[in-house]
Amino acid sequence: MYSSFSVSKRLILVPILVMVAQVLLMRSVSSLNMNNAYVEHKCSANQGEYKPGSHYKKVLDSGIQELSKDKEAFRGGFVYMDHTDIKEVRFEPERVYITFQCRGDIYGPQCRSCFATARPELFKRCPRDKGAIIWYDHCLLEFSSISTSGKINYDDNFCIDTARARPNAKTHTRDEVLEFLTLFDNLTNIAVTKRNNFVKDVDKPALYAAGEKRFGNKKIYAMVQCTKDLTPKACVECVSHNVIQFQNCYENKPVGLKIGARVFGRSCNFRFERYPFVNAKTSPNYLKF
């Protein structure tokens, strides 16, 4: 027989455990939505290396420092910087080209936080390289000795099959693959025609769109983004190229579409999953198809 003291302890313990479980669940969902995991990096060996204390290193450091103080870059989520140091008249002018962009739903402090994470990590992973790029969930950062503005870079593209860890997961039918391609076509068209209402005084297209679409009894969440140094025409070209190039990454031939994939690049990227991965409330041009 249980004592009244033992029963009362159990009655108190049950609601406490329920509360703890709810808190842990909320934290888990929050961490999923706010996660800014490292994805990949590439060091550009063909651009050569700089020496410690060299003029190039000084120009690179001053450019990165200048960018870290640029509030507009983090407010709007993008900057392309052509940087040199005119004070160093003893040397032939060195130029560093820096590109930084946050994911379309990331602004302000969260965007700045991604830059603060990416900056030291890129220097650590690509020490002395004159050109390098790093991707995180929330942003990309690139520096280069070669001007990249407005140019589509296909060399640094890669795909991550997010279903690899779940080999027994069900795929979609062939008809749903066609619907998926139509979805990305629609998102790309929206990205290159609609502006970002979250950023004032910017009349250019957002070059970003995200949304969700029901496939039978399932739902797909998707996103398309290009770097803002591209024209709308170049953005369409970049996304279309990657959709074709990485078909084997997101398709399970002959069955159909995989349940998730991510294609990254310097110039554009796209992603689809069976779960939400962007913030719909802060995403410009978020649509439910």
C-alpha atoms as a PDB file:
ATOM      1  CA  MET A   1       0.000   0.000   0.000  1.00  0.00           C
ATOM      2  CA  TYR A   2       1.265   3.471  -0.894  1.00  0.00           C
ATOM      3  CA  SER A   3       1.392   6.127   1.756  1.00  0.00           C
ATOM      4  CA  SER A   4      -0.501   9.396   1.233  1.00  0.00           C
ATOM      5  CA  PHE A   5       2.888  11.157   1.105  1.00  0.00           C
ATOM      6  CA  SER A   6       4.030   8.935  -1.782  1.00  0.00           C
ATOM      7  CA  VAL A   7       0.799   9.528  -3.728  1.00  0.00           C
ATOM      8  CA  SER A   8       1.020  13.293  -3.264  1.00  0.00           C
ATOM      9  CA  LYS A   9       4.599  13.289  -4.544  1.00  0.00           C
ATOM     10  CA  ARG A  10       3.469  11.438  -7.660  1.00  0.00           C
ATOM     11  CA  LEU A  11       0.603  13.883  -8.239  1.00  0.00           C
ATOM     12  CA  ILE A  12       3.021  16.795  -8.038  1.00  0.00           C
ATOM     13  CA  LEU A  13       5.657  15.100 -10.191  1.00  0.00           C
ATOM     14  CA  VAL A  14       3.369  14.369 -13.174  1.00  0.00           C
ATOM     15  CA  PRO A  15       2.519  18.005 -14.049  1.00  0.00           C
ATOM     16  CA  ILE A  16       6.152  18.994 -13.506  1.00  0.00           C
ATOM     17  CA  LEU A  17       7.298  16.359 -15.998  1.00  0.00           C
ATOM     18  CA  VAL A  18       4.680  17.551 -18.485  1.00  0.00           C
ATOM     19  CA  MET A  19       5.908  21.136 -18.129  1.00  0.00           C
ATOM     20  CA  VAL A  20       9.536  20.068 -18.567  1.00  0.00           C
ATOM     21  CA  ALA A  21       8.647  18.093 -21.694  1.00  0.00           C
ATOM     22  CA  GLN A  22       6.821  21.114 -23.140  1.00  0.00           C
ATOM     23  CA  VAL A  23       9.778  23.399 -22.458  1.00  0.00           C
ATOM     24  CA  LEU A  24      12.208  20.942 -24.062  1.00  0.00           C
ATOM     25  CA  LEU A  25       9.954  20.618 -27.101  1.00  0.00           C
ATOM     26  CA  MET A  26       9.700  24.407 -27.472  1.00  0.00           C
ATOM     27  CA  ARG A  27      13.471  24.723 -27.197  1.00  0.00           C
ATOM     28  CA  SER A  28      13.948  21.980 -29.770  1.00  0.00           C
ATOM     29  CA  VAL A  29      11.631  23.691 -32.270  1.00  0.00           C
ATOM     30  CA  SER A  30      13.251  27.051 -31.575  1.00  0.00           C
ATOM     31  CA  SER A  31      16.759  25.698 -32.090  1.00  0.00           C
ATOM     32  CA  LEU A  32      15.661  24.093 -35.364  1.00  0.00           C
ATOM     33  CA  ASN A  33      14.318  27.396 -36.672  1.00  0.00           C
ATOM     34  CA  MET A  34      17.237  29.480 -35.402  1.00  0.00           C
ATOM     35  CA  ASN A  35      20.023  27.039 -36.211  1.00  0.00           C
ATOM     36  CA  ASN A  36      22.887  28.581 -38.173  1.00  0.00           C
ATOM     37  CA  ALA A  37      24.948  25.505 -38.900  1.00  0.00           C
ATOM     38  CA  TYR A  38      28.131  25.484 -40.966  1.00  0.00           C
ATOM     39  CA  VAL A  39      27.486  23.962 -44.394  1.00  0.00           C
ATOM     40  CA  GLU A  40      30.640  24.048 -46.563  1.00  0.00           C
ATOM     41  CA  HIS A  41      33.660  26.108 -47.584  1.00  0.00           C
ATOM     42  CA  LYS A  42      35.944  26.300 -50.628  1.00  0.00           C
ATOM     43  CA  CYS A  43      39.441  27.769 -50.869  1.00  0.00           C
ATOM     44  CA  SER A  44      40.372  29.166 -54.281  1.00  0.00           C
ATOM     45  CA  ALA A  45      43.813  27.720 -54.956  1.00  0.00           C
ATOM     46  CA  ASN A  46      43.984  29.224 -58.451  1.00  0.00           C
ATOM     47  CA  GLN A  47      44.106  32.763 -56.993  1.00  0.00           C
ATOM     48  CA  GLY A  48      47.294  32.039 -55.099  1.00  0.00           C
ATOM     49  CA  GLU A  49      48.244  32.894 -51.530  1.00  0.00           C
ATOM     50  CA  TYR A  50      49.192  36.045 -49.662  1.00  0.00           C
ATOM     51  CA  LYS A  51      52.000  36.351 -47.134  1.00  0.00           C
ATOM     52  CA  PRO A  52      51.400  37.386 -43.512  1.00  0.00           C
ATOM     53  CA  GLY A  53      51.775  41.142 -43.228  1.00  0.00           C
ATOM     54  CA  SER A  54      51.517  41.613 -46.998  1.00  0.00           C
ATOM     55  CA  HIS A  55      49.666  44.490 -48.612  1.00  0.00           C
ATOM     56  CA  TYR A  56      46.880  42.154 -49.753  1.00  0.00           C
ATOM     57  CA  LYS A  57      46.365  40.955 -46.183  1.00  0.00           C
ATOM     58  CA  LYS A  58      46.133  44.550 -44.949  1.00  0.00           C
ATOM     59  CA  VAL A  59      43.585  45.452 -47.626  1.00  0.00           C
ATOM     60  CA  LEU A  60      41.574  42.305 -46.868  1.00  0.00           C
ATOM     61  CA  ASP A  61      41.556  42.994 -43.125  1.00  0.00           C
ATOM     62  CA  SER A  62      40.545  46.627 -43.565  1.00  0.00           C
ATOM     63  CA  GLY A  63      37.751  45.619 -45.955  1.00  0.00           C
ATOM     64  CA  ILE A  64      36.387  43.035 -43.544  1.00  0.00           C
ATOM     65  CA  GLN A  65      36.639  45.568 -40.718  1.00  0.00           C
ATOM     66  CA  GLU A  66      34.779  48.172 -42.761  1.00  0.00           C
ATOM     67  CA  LEU A  67      32.047  45.668 -43.582  1.00  0.00           C
ATOM     68  CA  SER A  68      31.613  44.723 -39.921  1.00  0.00           C
ATOM     69  CA  LYS A  69      30.684  48.362 -39.186  1.00  0.00           C
ATOM     70  CA  ASP A  70      28.274  48.703 -42.110  1.00  0.00           C
ATOM     71  CA  LYS A  71      24.790  48.688 -40.558  1.00  0.00           C
ATOM     72  CA  GLU A  72      23.097  48.951 -43.948  1.00  0.00           C
ATOM     73  CA  ALA A  73      24.678  45.685 -45.059  1.00  0.00           C
ATOM     74  CA  PHE A  74      23.060  43.803 -42.196  1.00  0.00           C
ATOM     75  CA  ARG A  75      19.783  45.694 -42.475  1.00  0.00           C
ATOM     76  CA  GLY A  76      19.404  44.810 -46.135  1.00  0.00           C
ATOM     77  CA  GLY A  77      21.176  41.467 -45.932  1.00  0.00           C
ATOM     78  CA  PHE A  78      23.632  42.001 -48.794  1.00  0.00           C
ATOM     79  CA  VAL A  79      26.831  43.843 -49.660  1.00  0.00           C
ATOM     80  CA  TYR A  80      29.347  43.672 -52.494  1.00  0.00           C
ATOM     81  CA  MET A  81      32.531  45.586 -51.729  1.00  0.00           C
ATOM     82  CA  ASP A  82      35.332  46.577 -54.090  1.00  0.00           C
ATOM     83  CA  HIS A  83      37.988  47.541 -51.568  1.00  0.00           C
ATOM     84  CA  THR A  84      41.503  48.955 -51.774  1.00  0.00           C
ATOM     85  CA  ASP A  85      43.769  51.018 -49.524  1.00  0.00           C
ATOM     86  CA  ILE A  86      44.715  54.280 -51.216  1.00  0.00           C
ATOM     87  CA  LYS A  87      46.972  55.198 -48.286  1.00  0.00           C
ATOM     88  CA  GLU A  88      49.527  52.582 -49.303  1.00  0.00           C
ATOM     89  CA  VAL A  89      51.059  54.610 -52.145  1.00  0.00           C
ATOM     90  CA  ARG A  90      54.315  52.661 -51.949  1.00  0.00           C
ATOM     91  CA  PHE A  91      52.633  49.628 -53.453  1.00  0.00           C
ATOM     92  CA  GLU A  92      50.786  48.866 -56.636  1.00  0.00           C
ATOM     93  CA  PRO A  93      47.127  49.098 -55.503  1.00  0.00           C
ATOM     94  CA  GLU A  94      45.725  45.730 -54.419  1.00  0.00           C
ATOM     95  CA  ARG A  95      41.991  45.156 -54.613  1.00  0.00           C
ATOM     96  CA  VAL A  96      39.831  42.797 -52.612  1.00  0.00           C
ATOM     97  CA  TYR A  97      36.263  41.977 -53.606  1.00  0.00           C
ATOM     98  CA  ILE A  98      34.019  40.954 -50.731  1.00  0.00           C
ATOM     99  CA  THR A  99      30.523  39.493 -51.040  1.00  0.00           C
ATOM    100  CA  PHE A 100      28.260  38.887 -48.066  1.00  0.00           C
ATOM    101  CA  GLN A 101      24.618  37.858 -48.179  1.00  0.00           C
ATOM    102  CA  CYS A 102      22.147  36.551 -45.641  1.00  0.00           C
ATOM    103  CA  ARG A 103      19.277  34.211 -46.380  1.00  0.00           C
ATOM    104  CA  GLY A 104      16.185  36.111 -47.470  1.00  0.00           C
ATOM    105  CA  ASP A 105      14.380  35.820 -44.138  1.00  0.00           C
ATOM    106  CA  ILE A 106      17.396  36.878 -42.030  1.00  0.00           C
ATOM    107  CA  TYR A 107      17.940  40.538 -41.119  1.00  0.00           C
ATOM    108  CA  GLY A 108      19.597  42.864 -38.633  1.00  0.00           C
ATOM    109  CA  PRO A 109      21.217  41.304 -35.540  1.00  0.00           C
ATOM    110  CA  GLN A 110      20.704  37.755 -36.802  1.00  0.00           C
ATOM    111  CA  CYS A 111      22.404  38.638 -40.092  1.00  0.00           C
ATOM    112  CA  ARG A 112      25.255  40.353 -38.255  1.00  0.00           C
ATOM    113  CA  SER A 113      25.644  37.298 -36.025  1.00  0.00           C
ATOM    114  CA  CYS A 114      26.137  35.071 -39.070  1.00  0.00           C
ATOM    115  CA  PHE A 115      28.836  37.405 -40.387  1.00  0.00           C
ATOM    116  CA  ALA A 116      30.569  37.379 -36.997  1.00  0.00           C
ATOM    117  CA  THR A 117      30.586  33.573 -37.126  1.00  0.00           C
ATOM    118  CA  ALA A 118      31.655  33.225 -40.764  1.00  0.00           C
ATOM    119  CA  ARG A 119      34.502  35.762 -40.725  1.00  0.00           C
ATOM    120  CA  PRO A 120      36.984  34.013 -38.371  1.00  0.00           C
ATOM    121  CA  GLU A 121      35.943  30.570 -39.585  1.00  0.00           C
ATOM    122  CA  LEU A 122      36.736  31.411 -43.205  1.00  0.00           C
ATOM    123  CA  PHE A 123      40.196  32.702 -42.280  1.00  0.00           C
ATOM    124  CA  LYS A 124      40.804  29.573 -40.219  1.00  0.00           C
ATOM    125  CA  ARG A 125      39.724  27.148 -42.943  1.00  0.00           C
ATOM    126  CA  CYS A 126      41.430  29.007 -45.813  1.00  0.00           C
ATOM    127  CA  PRO A 127      44.532  30.606 -44.270  1.00  0.00           C
ATOM    128  CA  ARG A 128      46.517  32.783 -46.703  1.00  0.00           C
ATOM    129  CA  ASP A 129      44.225  32.048 -49.673  1.00  0.00           C
ATOM    130  CA  LYS A 130      43.483  35.145 -51.739  1.00  0.00           C
ATOM    131  CA  GLY A 131      40.067  33.752 -52.595  1.00  0.00           C
ATOM    132  CA  ALA A 132      37.665  31.777 -50.397  1.00  0.00           C
ATOM    133  CA  ILE A 133      33.965  31.284 -49.722  1.00  0.00           C
ATOM    134  CA  ILE A 134      32.007  29.811 -46.828  1.00  0.00           C
ATOM    135  CA  TRP A 135      28.345  28.863 -46.489  1.00  0.00           C
ATOM    136  CA  TYR A 136      26.186  28.737 -43.376  1.00  0.00           C
ATOM    137  CA  ASP A 137      22.470  28.117 -43.087  1.00  0.00           C
ATOM    138  CA  HIS A 138      21.918  31.854 -42.681  1.00  0.00           C
ATOM    139  CA  CYS A 139      24.562  33.438 -44.914  1.00  0.00           C
ATOM    140  CA  LEU A 140      27.515  33.198 -47.273  1.00  0.00           C
ATOM    141  CA  LEU A 141      30.768  35.157 -47.164  1.00  0.00           C
ATOM    142  CA  GLU A 142      33.291  35.387 -49.988  1.00  0.00           C
ATOM    143  CA  PHE A 143      36.469  37.339 -50.559  1.00  0.00           C
ATOM    144  CA  SER A 144      38.388  37.291 -53.817  1.00  0.00           C
ATOM    145  CA  SER A 145      41.228  38.966 -55.672  1.00  0.00           C
ATOM    146  CA  ILE A 146      39.070  38.767 -58.819  1.00  0.00           C
ATOM    147  CA  SER A 147      35.935  40.824 -59.405  1.00  0.00           C
ATOM    148  CA  THR A 148      32.858  38.586 -59.263  1.00  0.00           C
ATOM    149  CA  SER A 149      30.050  41.151 -59.329  1.00  0.00           C
ATOM    150  CA  GLY A 150      27.271  40.324 -61.753  1.00  0.00           C
ATOM    151  CA  LYS A 151      28.967  37.154 -62.947  1.00  0.00           C
ATOM    152  CA  ILE A 152      27.358  33.748 -62.535  1.00  0.00           C
ATOM    153  CA  ASN A 153      29.727  31.391 -60.775  1.00  0.00           C
ATOM    154  CA  TYR A 154      28.994  27.749 -61.622  1.00  0.00           C
ATOM    155  CA  ASP A 155      32.347  26.412 -60.426  1.00  0.00           C
ATOM    156  CA  ASP A 156      31.504  26.446 -56.720  1.00  0.00           C
ATOM    157  CA  ASN A 157      28.083  24.776 -56.936  1.00  0.00           C
ATOM    158  CA  PHE A 158      27.304  21.670 -54.912  1.00  0.00           C
ATOM    159  CA  CYS A 159      24.292  19.702 -53.713  1.00  0.00           C
ATOM    160  CA  ILE A 160      23.410  18.099 -50.390  1.00  0.00           C
ATOM    161  CA  ASP A 161      20.893  15.256 -50.431  1.00  0.00           C
ATOM    162  CA  THR A 162      19.177  15.769 -47.077  1.00  0.00           C
ATOM    163  CA  ALA A 163      17.465  12.384 -47.368  1.00  0.00           C
ATOM    164  CA  ARG A 164      20.729  10.436 -47.283  1.00  0.00           C
ATOM    165  CA  ALA A 165      20.392   9.788 -43.569  1.00  0.00           C
ATOM    166  CA  ARG A 166      16.923   8.309 -44.141  1.00  0.00           C
ATOM    167  CA  PRO A 167      17.391   5.677 -46.865  1.00  0.00           C
ATOM    168  CA  ASN A 168      14.010   4.052 -46.226  1.00  0.00           C
ATOM    169  CA  ALA A 169      12.037   7.285 -46.473  1.00  0.00           C
ATOM    170  CA  LYS A 170       9.298   7.292 -49.087  1.00  0.00           C
ATOM    171  CA  THR A 171       9.835   9.328 -52.232  1.00  0.00           C
ATOM    172  CA  HIS A 172       7.303  11.112 -54.398  1.00  0.00           C
ATOM    173  CA  THR A 173       5.779  10.005 -57.688  1.00  0.00           C
ATOM    174  CA  ARG A 174       6.972  11.082 -61.121  1.00  0.00           C
ATOM    175  CA  ASP A 175       3.983  13.424 -61.480  1.00  0.00           C
ATOM    176  CA  GLU A 176       5.006  15.128 -58.263  1.00  0.00           C
ATOM    177  CA  VAL A 177       8.476  15.730 -59.717  1.00  0.00           C
ATOM    178  CA  LEU A 178       6.822  17.743 -62.481  1.00  0.00           C
ATOM    179  CA  GLU A 179       4.802  19.656 -59.881  1.00  0.00           C
ATOM    180  CA  PHE A 180       8.012  20.286 -57.970  1.00  0.00           C
ATOM    181  CA  LEU A 181       9.698  21.743 -61.061  1.00  0.00           C
ATOM    182  CA  THR A 182       6.654  23.946 -61.632  1.00  0.00           C
ATOM    183  CA  LEU A 183       6.870  25.104 -58.010  1.00  0.00           C
ATOM    184  CA  PHE A 184      10.490  26.165 -58.420  1.00  0.00           C
ATOM    185  CA  ASP A 185       9.692  27.858 -61.706  1.00  0.00           C
ATOM    186  CA  ASN A 186       6.943  29.854 -59.966  1.00  0.00           C
ATOM    187  CA  LEU A 187       9.186  30.756 -57.025  1.00  0.00           C
ATOM    188  CA  THR A 188      11.955  31.903 -59.368  1.00  0.00           C
ATOM    189  CA  ASN A 189       9.546  34.109 -61.316  1.00  0.00           C
ATOM    190  CA  ILE A 190       8.337  35.670 -58.067  1.00  0.00           C
ATOM    191  CA  ALA A 191      11.902  36.192 -56.843  1.00  0.00           C
ATOM    192  CA  VAL A 192      12.867  38.184 -59.942  1.00  0.00           C
ATOM    193  CA  THR A 193       9.707  40.308 -60.136  1.00  0.00           C
ATOM    194  CA  LYS A 194       8.643  41.099 -56.557  1.00  0.00           C
ATOM    195  CA  ARG A 195      10.508  43.507 -54.278  1.00  0.00           C
ATOM    196  CA  ASN A 196      11.308  42.974 -50.592  1.00  0.00           C
ATOM    197  CA  ASN A 197       8.694  44.828 -48.539  1.00  0.00           C
ATOM    198  CA  PHE A 198      10.715  44.333 -45.353  1.00  0.00           C
ATOM    199  CA  VAL A 199      13.541  46.578 -46.594  1.00  0.00           C
ATOM    200  CA  LYS A 200      12.686  50.232 -47.205  1.00  0.00           C
ATOM    201  CA  ASP A 201      13.940  52.305 -50.129  1.00  0.00           C
ATOM    202  CA  VAL A 202      14.790  49.253 -52.223  1.00  0.00           C
ATOM    203  CA  ASP A 203      12.864  49.041 -55.498  1.00  0.00           C
ATOM    204  CA  LYS A 204      14.820  46.172 -57.008  1.00  0.00           C
ATOM    205  CA  PRO A 205      13.464  42.599 -57.033  1.00  0.00           C
ATOM    206  CA  ALA A 206      14.198  40.642 -53.870  1.00  0.00           C
ATOM    207  CA  LEU A 207      15.826  37.763 -55.804  1.00  0.00           C
ATOM    208  CA  TYR A 208      14.382  35.568 -53.056  1.00  0.00           C
ATOM    209  CA  ALA A 209      11.127  33.697 -52.662  1.00  0.00           C
ATOM    210  CA  ALA A 210       9.893  30.902 -50.432  1.00  0.00           C
ATOM    211  CA  GLY A 211       6.688  29.001 -50.009  1.00  0.00           C
ATOM    212  CA  GLU A 212       4.891  25.747 -49.453  1.00  0.00           C
ATOM    213  CA  LYS A 213       2.765  23.447 -51.573  1.00  0.00           C
ATOM    214  CA  ARG A 214       0.710  20.378 -50.798  1.00  0.00           C
ATOM    215  CA  PHE A 215       1.565  17.230 -52.750  1.00  0.00           C
ATOM    216  CA  GLY A 216      -1.344  14.885 -52.079  1.00  0.00           C
ATOM    217  CA  ASN A 217      -1.326  14.303 -48.328  1.00  0.00           C
ATOM    218  CA  LYS A 218       2.221  15.680 -48.008  1.00  0.00           C
ATOM    219  CA  LYS A 219       3.589  19.206 -48.001  1.00  0.00           C
ATOM    220  CA  ILE A 220       6.801  20.543 -49.533  1.00  0.00           C
ATOM    221  CA  TYR A 221       8.555  23.676 -48.271  1.00  0.00           C
ATOM    222  CA  ALA A 222      10.853  25.372 -50.774  1.00  0.00           C
ATOM    223  CA  MET A 223      13.116  28.400 -51.248  1.00  0.00           C
ATOM    224  CA  VAL A 224      14.982  30.095 -54.101  1.00  0.00           C
ATOM    225  CA  GLN A 225      17.620  32.833 -53.729  1.00  0.00           C
ATOM    226  CA  CYS A 226      20.204  34.615 -55.880  1.00  0.00           C
ATOM    227  CA  THR A 227      22.923  37.017 -54.801  1.00  0.00           C
ATOM    228  CA  LYS A 228      21.789  40.588 -55.346  1.00  0.00           C
ATOM    229  CA  ASP A 229      24.644  41.499 -57.659  1.00  0.00           C
ATOM    230  CA  LEU A 230      22.898  39.455 -60.384  1.00  0.00           C
ATOM    231  CA  THR A 231      20.295  40.804 -62.776  1.00  0.00           C
ATOM    232  CA  PRO A 232      16.849  39.127 -62.734  1.00  0.00           C
ATOM    233  CA  LYS A 233      17.694  37.484 -66.068  1.00  0.00           C
ATOM    234  CA  ALA A 234      20.953  36.083 -64.686  1.00  0.00           C
ATOM    235  CA  CYS A 235      19.117  34.842 -61.585  1.00  0.00           C
ATOM    236  CA  VAL A 236      16.671  32.847 -63.714  1.00  0.00           C
ATOM    237  CA  GLU A 237      19.567  31.455 -65.740  1.00  0.00           C
ATOM    238  CA  CYS A 238      21.482  30.447 -62.606  1.00  0.00           C
ATOM    239  CA  VAL A 239      18.569  28.670 -60.907  1.00  0.00           C
ATOM    240  CA  SER A 240      17.486  26.926 -64.128  1.00  0.00           C
ATOM    241  CA  HIS A 241      21.033  25.693 -64.701  1.00  0.00           C
ATOM    242  CA  ASN A 242      21.298  24.264 -61.183  1.00  0.00           C
ATOM    243  CA  VAL A 243      17.894  22.578 -61.337  1.00  0.00           C
ATOM    244  CA  ILE A 244      19.122  20.703 -64.419  1.00  0.00           C
ATOM    245  CA  GLN A 245      22.711  20.126 -63.264  1.00  0.00           C
ATOM    246  CA  PHE A 246      21.778  18.585 -59.922  1.00  0.00           C
ATOM    247  CA  GLN A 247      18.803  16.525 -61.066  1.00  0.00           C
ATOM    248  CA  ASN A 248      20.430  13.321 -59.823  1.00  0.00           C
ATOM    249  CA  CYS A 249      20.785  14.856 -56.373  1.00  0.00           C
ATOM    250  CA  TYR A 250      17.099  15.593 -55.792  1.00  0.00           C
ATOM    251  CA  GLU A 251      15.510  12.881 -57.960  1.00  0.00           C
ATOM    252  CA  ASN A 252      15.244   9.185 -57.166  1.00  0.00           C
ATOM    253  CA  LYS A 253      15.073   7.776 -60.683  1.00  0.00           C
ATOM    254  CA  PRO A 254      12.819   6.233 -61.813  1.00  0.00           C
ATOM    255  CA  VAL A 255      10.664   6.530 -58.684  1.00  0.00           C
ATOM    256  CA  GLY A 256      10.410  10.276 -58.258  1.00  0.00           C
ATOM    257  CA  LEU A 257      11.403  13.169 -56.041  1.00  0.00           C
ATOM    258  CA  LYS A 258      13.492  12.726 -52.904  1.00  0.00           C
ATOM    259  CA  ILE A 259      12.135  14.149 -49.680  1.00  0.00           C
ATOM    260  CA  GLY A 260      14.709  16.916 -49.421  1.00  0.00           C
ATOM    261  CA  ALA A 261      17.764  18.489 -51.069  1.00  0.00           C
ATOM    262  CA  ARG A 262      19.835  21.671 -50.960  1.00  0.00           C
ATOM    263  CA  VAL A 263      21.787  23.161 -53.865  1.00  0.00           C
ATOM    264  CA  PHE A 264      24.347  25.826 -52.959  1.00  0.00           C
ATOM    265  CA  GLY A 265      26.466  28.163 -55.044  1.00  0.00           C
ATOM    266  CA  ARG A 266      28.141  31.553 -55.014  1.00  0.00           C
ATOM    267  CA  SER A 267      25.447  33.014 -57.272  1.00  0.00           C
ATOM    268  CA  CYS A 268      22.240  31.154 -56.435  1.00  0.00           C
ATOM    269  CA  ASN A 269      20.795  28.354 -54.342  1.00  0.00           C
ATOM    270  CA  PHE A 270      17.571  26.475 -53.779  1.00  0.00           C
ATOM    271  CA  ARG A 271      16.230  24.075 -51.207  1.00  0.00           C
ATOM    272  CA  PHE A 272      13.188  21.928 -50.474  1.00  0.00           C
ATOM    273  CA  GLU A 273      12.235  19.895 -47.417  1.00  0.00           C
ATOM    274  CA  ARG A 274       9.287  18.135 -45.811  1.00  0.00           C
ATOM    275  CA  TYR A 275       9.462  20.574 -42.875  1.00  0.00           C
ATOM    276  CA  PRO A 276       9.592  24.400 -42.519  1.00  0.00           C
ATOM    277  CA  PHE A 277      13.146  25.767 -42.558  1.00  0.00           C
ATOM    278  CA  VAL A 278      12.644  29.503 -43.141  1.00  0.00           C
ATOM    279  CA  ASN A 279      10.697  32.045 -41.106  1.00  0.00           C
ATOM    280  CA  ALA A 280       7.506  32.657 -43.070  1.00  0.00           C
ATOM    281  CA  LYS A 281       6.789  35.856 -41.104  1.00  0.00           C
ATOM    282  CA  THR A 282      10.067  37.524 -42.128  1.00  0.00           C
ATOM    283  CA  SER A 283      10.291  36.003 -45.608  1.00  0.00           C
ATOM    284  CA  PRO A 284       9.441  38.428 -48.410  1.00  0.00           C
ATOM    285  CA  ASN A 285       7.233  36.854 -51.038  1.00  0.00           C
ATOM    286  CA  TYR A 286       6.275  33.797 -48.947  1.00  0.00           C
ATOM    287  CA  LEU A 287       3.420  32.024 -50.683  1.00  0.00           C
ATOM    288  CA  LYS A 288       1.175  29.041 -50.112  1.00  0.00           C
ATOM    289  CA  PHE A 289       0.452  27.368 -53.423  1.00  0.00           C
END
